[in-house]
């Protein structure tokens, strides 16, 4: 058992049998009354966020979560196979755990997987990835008041919105958190 003084960003707490990652924390010492710790927590499994306040000095249970680098190998239908970069062991991660990251996974891409007692909790992608546009309609210049966008399918099969001037075969940088177009890559 640890105390509230050990709460830091990224620490995983076990509250009522569920794992919560600390997103933000703030130690507060009001002029009147006892000190407390205000936290913003994110559920490791569901991704739901929650605010929780702890009295200063109270006991909390900190879980050991191992974050390791893996390389994505392939998809085998209902799961995704990754290889540990350090010892070359392969693990299969369920599609529900991978979540929206599947839209940006390319073979041999490096990712970070958080493991708790050998079970994968979530997959952390890099902030952005470079993908090639495999199909998009030709952009037409016309009457409009602002810059337009069009749908484009990237090499993973995911569809994003891109500016009208981009063509099939262009490499683009895509934000993995939102799926937004960030720019062209030469």
N, C-alpha and C. Protein backbone atom coordinates (compact mmCIF):
# COMPACT_ATOMS: atom_id res chain seq x y z
N UNK A 1 0.84 -1.18 0.00
CA UNK A 1 0.00 0.00 0.00
C UNK A 1 0.88 1.25 0.00
N UNK A 2 0.47 2.22 -0.77
CA UNK A 2 1.20 3.48 -0.86
C UNK A 2 0.28 4.59 -0.35
N UNK A 3 0.85 5.78 -0.18
CA UNK A 3 0.03 6.90 0.27
C UNK A 3 -0.23 7.85 -0.90
N UNK A 4 -1.02 8.88 -0.65
CA UNK A 4 -1.36 9.83 -1.70
C UNK A 4 -0.13 10.63 -2.16
N UNK A 5 0.94 10.63 -1.37
CA UNK A 5 2.16 11.33 -1.77
C UNK A 5 2.83 10.63 -2.96
N UNK A 6 2.49 9.37 -3.20
CA UNK A 6 3.09 8.60 -4.30
C UNK A 6 2.32 8.75 -5.61
N UNK A 7 1.22 9.50 -5.62
CA UNK A 7 0.42 9.67 -6.84
C UNK A 7 1.16 10.59 -7.80
N UNK A 8 1.37 10.11 -9.01
CA UNK A 8 2.03 10.87 -10.07
C UNK A 8 1.28 10.59 -11.38
N UNK A 9 1.53 11.40 -12.42
CA UNK A 9 0.93 11.15 -13.73
C UNK A 9 1.42 9.81 -14.27
N UNK A 10 0.51 9.01 -14.80
CA UNK A 10 0.87 7.73 -15.38
C UNK A 10 0.82 6.56 -14.42
N UNK A 11 0.72 6.82 -13.11
CA UNK A 11 0.64 5.74 -12.13
C UNK A 11 -0.74 5.07 -12.25
N UNK A 12 -0.78 3.75 -12.10
CA UNK A 12 -2.04 3.02 -12.20
C UNK A 12 -2.49 2.62 -10.79
N UNK A 13 -3.71 3.02 -10.43
CA UNK A 13 -4.29 2.73 -9.12
C UNK A 13 -5.34 1.64 -9.25
N UNK A 14 -5.44 0.81 -8.20
CA UNK A 14 -6.49 -0.21 -8.13
C UNK A 14 -7.55 0.31 -7.18
N UNK A 15 -8.70 0.73 -7.75
CA UNK A 15 -9.82 1.24 -6.94
C UNK A 15 -11.01 0.32 -7.15
N UNK A 16 -11.46 -0.32 -6.08
CA UNK A 16 -12.62 -1.22 -6.12
C UNK A 16 -12.47 -2.30 -7.20
N UNK A 17 -11.28 -2.83 -7.36
CA UNK A 17 -11.04 -3.91 -8.31
C UNK A 17 -10.87 -3.48 -9.75
N UNK A 18 -10.92 -2.16 -10.03
CA UNK A 18 -10.72 -1.67 -11.38
C UNK A 18 -9.41 -0.89 -11.45
N UNK A 19 -8.76 -0.92 -12.62
CA UNK A 19 -7.50 -0.21 -12.81
C UNK A 19 -7.77 1.17 -13.40
N UNK A 20 -7.21 2.21 -12.76
CA UNK A 20 -7.37 3.59 -13.19
C UNK A 20 -6.00 4.22 -13.32
N UNK A 21 -5.74 4.86 -14.45
CA UNK A 21 -4.47 5.55 -14.70
C UNK A 21 -4.65 7.03 -14.33
N UNK A 22 -3.65 7.61 -13.64
CA UNK A 22 -3.71 9.01 -13.23
C UNK A 22 -3.33 9.87 -14.43
N UNK A 23 -4.29 10.72 -14.88
CA UNK A 23 -4.05 11.63 -15.99
C UNK A 23 -3.51 12.96 -15.46
N UNK A 24 -4.14 13.48 -14.42
CA UNK A 24 -3.71 14.72 -13.77
C UNK A 24 -3.84 14.56 -12.27
N UNK A 25 -2.99 15.25 -11.52
CA UNK A 25 -3.14 15.27 -10.07
C UNK A 25 -2.72 16.64 -9.56
N UNK A 26 -3.26 17.01 -8.41
CA UNK A 26 -2.93 18.30 -7.81
C UNK A 26 -3.04 18.16 -6.29
N UNK A 27 -1.94 18.47 -5.60
CA UNK A 27 -1.97 18.51 -4.13
C UNK A 27 -2.51 19.87 -3.72
N UNK A 28 -3.57 19.88 -2.89
CA UNK A 28 -4.20 21.13 -2.49
C UNK A 28 -4.10 21.26 -0.98
N UNK A 29 -3.63 22.42 -0.52
CA UNK A 29 -3.54 22.73 0.92
C UNK A 29 -4.33 24.00 1.16
N UNK A 30 -5.64 23.84 1.45
CA UNK A 30 -6.43 25.05 1.68
C UNK A 30 -6.04 25.71 3.00
N UNK A 31 -6.40 26.98 3.15
CA UNK A 31 -6.07 27.70 4.38
C UNK A 31 -6.80 27.14 5.58
N UNK A 32 -7.95 26.58 5.36
CA UNK A 32 -8.76 26.03 6.44
C UNK A 32 -9.06 24.58 6.13
N UNK A 33 -8.83 23.68 7.05
CA UNK A 33 -9.12 22.27 6.84
C UNK A 33 -7.87 21.50 6.43
N UNK A 34 -8.04 20.21 6.20
CA UNK A 34 -6.92 19.35 5.87
C UNK A 34 -6.57 19.37 4.39
N UNK A 35 -5.36 18.96 4.09
CA UNK A 35 -4.90 18.91 2.71
C UNK A 35 -5.54 17.71 2.00
N UNK A 36 -5.61 17.80 0.68
CA UNK A 36 -6.17 16.70 -0.10
C UNK A 36 -5.51 16.66 -1.48
N UNK A 37 -5.73 15.56 -2.19
CA UNK A 37 -5.18 15.38 -3.53
C UNK A 37 -6.35 15.23 -4.50
N UNK A 38 -6.43 16.14 -5.48
CA UNK A 38 -7.48 16.11 -6.49
C UNK A 38 -6.89 15.42 -7.72
N UNK A 39 -7.56 14.38 -8.24
CA UNK A 39 -7.03 13.63 -9.38
C UNK A 39 -8.06 13.51 -10.49
N UNK A 40 -7.56 13.36 -11.70
CA UNK A 40 -8.39 13.00 -12.85
C UNK A 40 -7.90 11.63 -13.28
N UNK A 41 -8.78 10.64 -13.26
CA UNK A 41 -8.42 9.25 -13.52
C UNK A 41 -9.07 8.75 -14.80
N UNK A 42 -8.36 7.87 -15.51
CA UNK A 42 -8.89 7.27 -16.72
C UNK A 42 -8.91 5.76 -16.53
N UNK A 43 -10.06 5.16 -16.76
CA UNK A 43 -10.19 3.71 -16.63
C UNK A 43 -9.34 3.05 -17.72
N UNK A 44 -8.46 2.15 -17.32
CA UNK A 44 -7.51 1.54 -18.25
C UNK A 44 -8.23 0.68 -19.28
N UNK A 45 -9.31 0.00 -18.89
CA UNK A 45 -10.01 -0.91 -19.79
C UNK A 45 -11.00 -0.17 -20.68
N UNK A 46 -11.89 0.64 -20.08
CA UNK A 46 -12.97 1.27 -20.84
C UNK A 46 -12.60 2.63 -21.41
N UNK A 47 -11.60 3.32 -20.83
CA UNK A 47 -11.22 4.64 -21.31
C UNK A 47 -12.04 5.76 -20.71
N UNK A 48 -12.98 5.44 -19.82
CA UNK A 48 -13.83 6.44 -19.18
C UNK A 48 -13.00 7.27 -18.19
N UNK A 49 -13.24 8.58 -18.14
CA UNK A 49 -12.52 9.43 -17.19
C UNK A 49 -13.41 9.78 -16.01
N UNK A 50 -12.77 10.03 -14.87
CA UNK A 50 -13.49 10.28 -13.63
C UNK A 50 -12.62 11.18 -12.75
N UNK A 51 -13.25 12.08 -12.00
CA UNK A 51 -12.53 12.91 -11.03
C UNK A 51 -12.70 12.29 -9.65
N UNK A 52 -11.60 12.24 -8.89
CA UNK A 52 -11.67 11.67 -7.54
C UNK A 52 -10.75 12.46 -6.64
N UNK A 53 -11.19 12.67 -5.40
CA UNK A 53 -10.41 13.41 -4.41
C UNK A 53 -10.04 12.46 -3.28
N UNK A 54 -8.78 12.49 -2.88
CA UNK A 54 -8.27 11.68 -1.78
C UNK A 54 -7.82 12.61 -0.67
N UNK A 55 -8.06 12.23 0.59
CA UNK A 55 -7.51 12.99 1.72
C UNK A 55 -6.01 12.75 1.75
N UNK A 56 -5.24 13.79 2.09
CA UNK A 56 -3.78 13.67 2.15
C UNK A 56 -3.39 12.61 3.17
N UNK A 57 -2.46 11.75 2.80
CA UNK A 57 -1.98 10.72 3.70
C UNK A 57 -2.78 9.43 3.69
N UNK A 58 -3.92 9.40 2.99
CA UNK A 58 -4.70 8.17 2.95
C UNK A 58 -3.98 7.14 2.07
N UNK A 59 -4.32 5.88 2.29
CA UNK A 59 -3.65 4.79 1.59
C UNK A 59 -4.33 4.51 0.25
N UNK A 60 -3.52 4.28 -0.78
CA UNK A 60 -4.01 3.89 -2.10
C UNK A 60 -3.22 2.68 -2.56
N UNK A 61 -3.85 1.86 -3.41
CA UNK A 61 -3.18 0.66 -3.92
C UNK A 61 -2.67 0.95 -5.33
N UNK A 62 -1.34 0.94 -5.48
CA UNK A 62 -0.71 1.21 -6.77
C UNK A 62 -0.36 -0.13 -7.42
N UNK A 63 -0.81 -0.31 -8.67
CA UNK A 63 -0.55 -1.54 -9.41
C UNK A 63 0.70 -1.39 -10.26
N UNK A 64 1.37 -2.51 -10.48
CA UNK A 64 2.56 -2.53 -11.32
C UNK A 64 2.13 -2.81 -12.76
N UNK A 65 2.29 -1.82 -13.63
CA UNK A 65 1.96 -1.99 -15.05
C UNK A 65 3.24 -1.86 -15.84
N UNK A 66 3.52 -2.87 -16.63
CA UNK A 66 4.75 -2.94 -17.41
C UNK A 66 4.47 -2.42 -18.82
N UNK A 67 5.14 -1.33 -19.23
CA UNK A 67 4.99 -0.80 -20.59
C UNK A 67 6.22 -1.24 -21.39
N UNK A 68 5.97 -2.00 -22.46
CA UNK A 68 7.08 -2.51 -23.26
C UNK A 68 6.86 -2.21 -24.73
N UNK A 69 7.98 -2.13 -25.47
CA UNK A 69 7.92 -1.86 -26.90
C UNK A 69 7.68 -3.17 -27.65
N UNK A 70 6.72 -3.10 -28.58
CA UNK A 70 6.37 -4.24 -29.41
C UNK A 70 6.37 -3.81 -30.86
N UNK A 71 6.48 -4.79 -31.76
CA UNK A 71 6.39 -4.55 -33.20
C UNK A 71 5.16 -5.29 -33.71
N UNK A 72 4.31 -4.57 -34.46
CA UNK A 72 3.10 -5.19 -35.02
C UNK A 72 3.50 -6.09 -36.18
N UNK A 73 3.01 -7.34 -36.17
CA UNK A 73 3.34 -8.30 -37.22
C UNK A 73 2.19 -8.47 -38.21
N UNK A 74 1.02 -8.92 -37.73
CA UNK A 74 -0.10 -9.16 -38.64
C UNK A 74 -1.39 -9.32 -37.83
N UNK A 75 -2.52 -9.32 -38.57
CA UNK A 75 -3.83 -9.55 -37.98
C UNK A 75 -4.26 -10.96 -38.33
N UNK A 76 -4.75 -11.70 -37.33
CA UNK A 76 -5.18 -13.08 -37.60
C UNK A 76 -6.69 -13.23 -37.45
N UNK A 77 -7.43 -12.27 -37.95
CA UNK A 77 -8.89 -12.34 -37.90
C UNK A 77 -9.45 -11.56 -36.72
N UNK A 78 -9.52 -12.21 -35.55
CA UNK A 78 -10.10 -11.55 -34.37
C UNK A 78 -9.04 -10.95 -33.45
N UNK A 79 -7.77 -11.16 -33.74
CA UNK A 79 -6.70 -10.64 -32.89
C UNK A 79 -5.58 -10.04 -33.71
N UNK A 80 -4.69 -9.37 -33.01
CA UNK A 80 -3.53 -8.74 -33.63
C UNK A 80 -2.28 -9.31 -32.97
N UNK A 81 -1.32 -9.73 -33.80
CA UNK A 81 -0.11 -10.38 -33.29
C UNK A 81 1.02 -9.35 -33.24
N UNK A 82 1.63 -9.25 -32.04
CA UNK A 82 2.75 -8.34 -31.82
C UNK A 82 3.95 -9.14 -31.34
N UNK A 83 5.17 -8.62 -31.63
CA UNK A 83 6.40 -9.27 -31.19
C UNK A 83 7.12 -8.34 -30.23
N UNK A 84 7.52 -8.87 -29.08
CA UNK A 84 8.28 -8.10 -28.10
C UNK A 84 9.63 -7.73 -28.70
N UNK A 85 9.98 -6.45 -28.65
CA UNK A 85 11.22 -5.97 -29.26
C UNK A 85 12.45 -6.46 -28.51
N UNK A 86 12.32 -6.82 -27.23
CA UNK A 86 13.50 -7.22 -26.46
C UNK A 86 13.79 -8.72 -26.51
N UNK A 87 12.76 -9.56 -26.40
CA UNK A 87 13.01 -11.01 -26.36
C UNK A 87 12.34 -11.79 -27.49
N UNK A 88 11.71 -11.09 -28.44
CA UNK A 88 11.13 -11.68 -29.64
C UNK A 88 9.97 -12.65 -29.36
N UNK A 89 9.38 -12.60 -28.16
CA UNK A 89 8.18 -13.38 -27.88
C UNK A 89 7.00 -12.74 -28.58
N UNK A 90 6.07 -13.57 -29.05
CA UNK A 90 4.89 -13.05 -29.74
C UNK A 90 3.67 -13.17 -28.84
N UNK A 91 2.82 -12.13 -28.87
CA UNK A 91 1.57 -12.16 -28.13
C UNK A 91 0.44 -11.78 -29.09
N UNK A 92 -0.75 -12.31 -28.83
CA UNK A 92 -1.94 -11.95 -29.60
C UNK A 92 -2.81 -11.08 -28.73
N UNK A 93 -3.15 -9.90 -29.24
CA UNK A 93 -3.97 -8.94 -28.50
C UNK A 93 -5.35 -8.89 -29.17
N UNK A 94 -6.39 -8.97 -28.36
CA UNK A 94 -7.76 -8.94 -28.87
C UNK A 94 -8.07 -7.60 -29.52
N UNK A 95 -8.94 -7.62 -30.51
CA UNK A 95 -9.33 -6.40 -31.21
C UNK A 95 -9.93 -5.35 -30.30
N UNK A 96 -10.65 -5.77 -29.25
CA UNK A 96 -11.25 -4.82 -28.31
C UNK A 96 -10.17 -4.05 -27.54
N UNK A 97 -9.06 -4.71 -27.24
CA UNK A 97 -7.96 -4.05 -26.51
C UNK A 97 -7.23 -3.08 -27.44
N UNK A 98 -7.05 -3.46 -28.70
CA UNK A 98 -6.37 -2.60 -29.67
C UNK A 98 -7.20 -1.34 -29.94
N UNK A 99 -8.52 -1.51 -30.05
CA UNK A 99 -9.43 -0.37 -30.23
C UNK A 99 -9.21 0.36 -31.54
N UNK A 100 -9.25 1.70 -31.49
CA UNK A 100 -9.12 2.52 -32.70
C UNK A 100 -7.71 2.51 -33.28
N UNK A 101 -6.74 2.01 -32.55
CA UNK A 101 -5.38 1.95 -33.06
C UNK A 101 -5.29 1.06 -34.30
N UNK A 102 -6.24 0.14 -34.48
CA UNK A 102 -6.21 -0.76 -35.65
C UNK A 102 -6.30 -0.01 -36.96
N UNK A 103 -6.88 1.20 -36.94
CA UNK A 103 -7.00 2.00 -38.17
C UNK A 103 -5.66 2.53 -38.66
N UNK A 104 -4.63 2.50 -37.81
CA UNK A 104 -3.35 3.11 -38.15
C UNK A 104 -2.19 2.13 -38.09
N UNK A 105 -2.47 0.83 -37.87
CA UNK A 105 -1.41 -0.16 -37.74
C UNK A 105 -0.91 -0.64 -39.10
N UNK A 106 0.39 -0.53 -39.31
CA UNK A 106 1.05 -1.10 -40.47
C UNK A 106 2.02 -2.17 -40.00
N UNK A 107 2.32 -3.13 -40.86
CA UNK A 107 3.27 -4.17 -40.49
C UNK A 107 4.62 -3.55 -40.13
N UNK A 108 5.27 -4.13 -39.13
CA UNK A 108 6.58 -3.71 -38.62
C UNK A 108 6.57 -2.35 -37.94
N UNK A 109 5.38 -1.88 -37.52
CA UNK A 109 5.29 -0.60 -36.82
C UNK A 109 5.54 -0.82 -35.33
N UNK A 110 6.27 0.10 -34.71
CA UNK A 110 6.55 0.02 -33.28
C UNK A 110 5.42 0.66 -32.48
N UNK A 111 4.98 -0.04 -31.43
CA UNK A 111 3.96 0.46 -30.52
C UNK A 111 4.39 0.12 -29.10
N UNK A 112 3.72 0.72 -28.12
CA UNK A 112 3.95 0.39 -26.72
C UNK A 112 2.69 -0.28 -26.19
N UNK A 113 2.87 -1.43 -25.54
CA UNK A 113 1.73 -2.15 -24.97
C UNK A 113 1.93 -2.20 -23.46
N UNK A 114 0.86 -1.83 -22.73
CA UNK A 114 0.88 -1.89 -21.27
C UNK A 114 0.38 -3.27 -20.84
N UNK A 115 1.18 -3.96 -20.03
CA UNK A 115 0.84 -5.31 -19.56
C UNK A 115 0.67 -5.29 -18.05
N UNK A 116 -0.37 -5.98 -17.57
CA UNK A 116 -0.60 -6.14 -16.13
C UNK A 116 -0.75 -7.63 -15.87
N UNK A 117 0.18 -8.22 -15.14
CA UNK A 117 0.21 -9.67 -14.88
C UNK A 117 0.19 -10.47 -16.18
N UNK A 118 0.88 -9.97 -17.21
CA UNK A 118 0.98 -10.66 -18.48
C UNK A 118 -0.19 -10.43 -19.42
N UNK A 119 -1.23 -9.73 -18.97
CA UNK A 119 -2.40 -9.46 -19.81
C UNK A 119 -2.29 -8.07 -20.41
N UNK A 120 -2.47 -7.94 -21.74
CA UNK A 120 -2.40 -6.62 -22.36
C UNK A 120 -3.60 -5.76 -21.95
N UNK A 121 -3.32 -4.51 -21.54
CA UNK A 121 -4.38 -3.59 -21.11
C UNK A 121 -4.78 -2.64 -22.23
N UNK A 122 -3.78 -2.05 -22.91
CA UNK A 122 -4.05 -1.12 -24.00
C UNK A 122 -2.81 -0.98 -24.86
N UNK A 123 -3.02 -0.47 -26.08
CA UNK A 123 -1.95 -0.26 -27.04
C UNK A 123 -1.76 1.24 -27.23
N UNK A 124 -0.52 1.72 -27.03
CA UNK A 124 -0.21 3.13 -27.24
C UNK A 124 0.48 3.28 -28.59
N UNK A 125 -0.15 4.08 -29.45
CA UNK A 125 0.42 4.37 -30.77
C UNK A 125 1.30 5.60 -30.68
N UNK A 126 2.21 5.80 -31.67
CA UNK A 126 2.90 7.08 -31.76
C UNK A 126 1.86 8.18 -32.01
N UNK A 127 2.19 9.44 -31.74
CA UNK A 127 1.23 10.54 -31.90
C UNK A 127 0.74 10.67 -33.33
N UNK A 128 1.61 10.36 -34.31
CA UNK A 128 1.19 10.43 -35.71
C UNK A 128 1.89 9.34 -36.50
N UNK A 129 1.25 8.95 -37.62
CA UNK A 129 1.82 7.94 -38.51
C UNK A 129 1.76 8.45 -39.94
N UNK A 130 2.61 7.89 -40.79
CA UNK A 130 2.62 8.26 -42.20
C UNK A 130 1.96 7.13 -42.99
N UNK A 131 0.89 7.47 -43.71
CA UNK A 131 0.13 6.50 -44.48
C UNK A 131 0.00 6.98 -45.91
N UNK A 132 -0.14 6.04 -46.84
CA UNK A 132 -0.32 6.38 -48.25
C UNK A 132 -1.79 6.32 -48.61
N UNK A 133 -2.23 7.30 -49.39
CA UNK A 133 -3.62 7.32 -49.85
C UNK A 133 -3.75 6.30 -50.98
N UNK A 134 -4.67 5.33 -50.81
CA UNK A 134 -4.85 4.30 -51.84
C UNK A 134 -5.99 4.65 -52.79
N UNK A 135 -6.95 5.46 -52.33
CA UNK A 135 -8.03 5.87 -53.23
C UNK A 135 -8.61 7.19 -52.76
N UNK A 136 -8.83 8.10 -53.73
CA UNK A 136 -9.57 9.33 -53.47
C UNK A 136 -10.11 9.85 -54.80
N UNK A 137 -11.25 10.51 -54.72
CA UNK A 137 -11.83 11.11 -55.92
C UNK A 137 -10.97 12.29 -56.36
N UNK A 138 -10.98 12.62 -57.66
CA UNK A 138 -10.24 13.81 -58.09
C UNK A 138 -10.89 15.06 -57.49
N UNK A 139 -10.07 16.03 -57.08
CA UNK A 139 -10.59 17.25 -56.49
C UNK A 139 -10.99 18.23 -57.58
N UNK A 140 -12.16 18.84 -57.42
CA UNK A 140 -12.64 19.80 -58.40
C UNK A 140 -12.64 21.19 -57.78
N UNK A 141 -12.07 22.15 -58.50
CA UNK A 141 -12.11 23.54 -58.04
C UNK A 141 -13.46 24.09 -58.42
N UNK A 142 -14.10 24.81 -57.50
CA UNK A 142 -15.43 25.33 -57.81
C UNK A 142 -15.76 26.52 -56.94
N UNK A 143 -17.02 26.86 -56.91
CA UNK A 143 -17.49 27.99 -56.11
C UNK A 143 -17.65 27.55 -54.66
N UNK A 144 -16.81 28.07 -53.79
CA UNK A 144 -16.96 27.82 -52.36
C UNK A 144 -16.23 28.93 -51.62
N UNK A 145 -16.65 29.17 -50.42
CA UNK A 145 -16.10 30.30 -49.66
C UNK A 145 -14.83 29.92 -48.90
N UNK A 146 -14.61 28.61 -48.62
CA UNK A 146 -13.42 28.21 -47.87
C UNK A 146 -12.81 26.97 -48.52
N UNK A 147 -11.66 26.58 -48.02
CA UNK A 147 -10.97 25.40 -48.55
C UNK A 147 -11.81 24.17 -48.28
N UNK A 148 -11.98 23.31 -49.28
CA UNK A 148 -12.81 22.12 -49.14
C UNK A 148 -11.99 20.90 -48.80
N UNK A 149 -12.69 19.86 -48.38
CA UNK A 149 -12.04 18.59 -48.11
C UNK A 149 -12.81 17.49 -48.84
N UNK A 150 -12.17 16.32 -48.94
CA UNK A 150 -12.81 15.17 -49.57
C UNK A 150 -12.38 13.93 -48.81
N UNK A 151 -13.10 12.85 -49.00
CA UNK A 151 -12.78 11.58 -48.35
C UNK A 151 -11.64 10.90 -49.10
N UNK A 152 -10.75 10.29 -48.32
CA UNK A 152 -9.65 9.52 -48.91
C UNK A 152 -9.45 8.26 -48.08
N UNK A 153 -9.22 7.13 -48.76
CA UNK A 153 -8.95 5.87 -48.09
C UNK A 153 -7.44 5.67 -48.04
N UNK A 154 -6.92 5.38 -46.82
CA UNK A 154 -5.48 5.16 -46.67
C UNK A 154 -5.18 3.66 -46.73
N UNK A 155 -3.90 3.30 -46.74
CA UNK A 155 -3.49 1.91 -46.98
C UNK A 155 -3.98 0.92 -45.93
N UNK A 156 -4.42 1.38 -44.75
CA UNK A 156 -4.96 0.47 -43.75
C UNK A 156 -6.45 0.22 -43.95
N UNK A 157 -7.08 0.95 -44.90
CA UNK A 157 -8.50 0.80 -45.16
C UNK A 157 -9.33 1.84 -44.44
N UNK A 158 -8.71 2.69 -43.62
CA UNK A 158 -9.42 3.72 -42.87
C UNK A 158 -9.67 4.93 -43.77
N UNK A 159 -10.81 5.60 -43.57
CA UNK A 159 -11.16 6.76 -44.39
C UNK A 159 -10.97 8.04 -43.58
N UNK A 160 -10.23 9.01 -44.16
CA UNK A 160 -10.00 10.30 -43.52
C UNK A 160 -10.40 11.42 -44.46
N UNK A 161 -10.50 12.63 -43.94
CA UNK A 161 -10.79 13.81 -44.74
C UNK A 161 -9.47 14.51 -45.06
N UNK A 162 -9.25 14.82 -46.35
CA UNK A 162 -8.02 15.48 -46.81
C UNK A 162 -8.38 16.66 -47.70
N UNK A 163 -7.45 17.61 -47.91
CA UNK A 163 -7.71 18.73 -48.82
C UNK A 163 -7.93 18.24 -50.26
N UNK A 164 -8.59 19.06 -51.06
CA UNK A 164 -8.96 18.68 -52.43
C UNK A 164 -7.77 18.42 -53.35
N UNK A 165 -6.62 19.05 -53.10
CA UNK A 165 -5.50 18.92 -54.03
C UNK A 165 -4.75 17.60 -53.92
N UNK A 166 -5.00 16.79 -52.89
CA UNK A 166 -4.27 15.53 -52.72
C UNK A 166 -4.80 14.47 -53.69
N UNK A 167 -3.89 13.60 -54.16
CA UNK A 167 -4.23 12.57 -55.13
C UNK A 167 -3.87 11.19 -54.59
N UNK A 168 -4.35 10.16 -55.26
CA UNK A 168 -4.01 8.79 -54.91
C UNK A 168 -2.50 8.60 -55.02
N UNK A 169 -1.91 7.89 -54.04
CA UNK A 169 -0.47 7.66 -54.04
C UNK A 169 0.30 8.65 -53.18
N UNK A 170 -0.32 9.70 -52.70
CA UNK A 170 0.34 10.70 -51.86
C UNK A 170 0.48 10.15 -50.44
N UNK A 171 1.64 10.38 -49.83
CA UNK A 171 1.84 10.00 -48.42
C UNK A 171 1.44 11.17 -47.54
N UNK A 172 0.65 10.87 -46.50
CA UNK A 172 0.16 11.91 -45.60
C UNK A 172 0.45 11.53 -44.16
N UNK A 173 0.57 12.55 -43.30
CA UNK A 173 0.76 12.35 -41.87
C UNK A 173 -0.62 12.44 -41.21
N UNK A 174 -0.97 11.43 -40.37
CA UNK A 174 -2.29 11.34 -39.75
C UNK A 174 -2.12 11.26 -38.24
N UNK A 175 -2.93 12.05 -37.51
CA UNK A 175 -2.95 12.03 -36.05
C UNK A 175 -3.66 10.75 -35.59
N UNK A 176 -2.98 9.92 -34.78
CA UNK A 176 -3.56 8.65 -34.36
C UNK A 176 -4.62 8.80 -33.26
N UNK A 177 -4.64 9.93 -32.58
CA UNK A 177 -5.64 10.12 -31.52
C UNK A 177 -6.99 10.55 -32.08
N UNK A 178 -6.98 11.36 -33.15
CA UNK A 178 -8.23 11.90 -33.69
C UNK A 178 -8.53 11.42 -35.11
N UNK A 179 -7.53 10.92 -35.83
CA UNK A 179 -7.73 10.52 -37.23
C UNK A 179 -7.69 11.68 -38.19
N UNK A 180 -7.21 12.85 -37.74
CA UNK A 180 -7.16 14.04 -38.58
C UNK A 180 -5.94 14.05 -39.49
N UNK A 181 -6.10 14.64 -40.65
CA UNK A 181 -5.01 14.88 -41.60
C UNK A 181 -4.11 15.98 -41.03
N UNK A 182 -2.79 15.72 -40.98
CA UNK A 182 -1.85 16.71 -40.44
C UNK A 182 -1.00 17.38 -41.52
N UNK A 183 -0.79 16.71 -42.65
CA UNK A 183 0.02 17.30 -43.69
C UNK A 183 0.54 16.26 -44.67
N UNK A 184 1.13 16.76 -45.75
CA UNK A 184 1.74 15.91 -46.77
C UNK A 184 3.15 15.55 -46.36
N UNK A 185 3.61 14.40 -46.79
CA UNK A 185 4.98 13.96 -46.55
C UNK A 185 5.64 13.72 -47.89
N UNK A 186 6.81 14.31 -48.10
CA UNK A 186 7.52 14.14 -49.38
C UNK A 186 8.37 12.89 -49.36
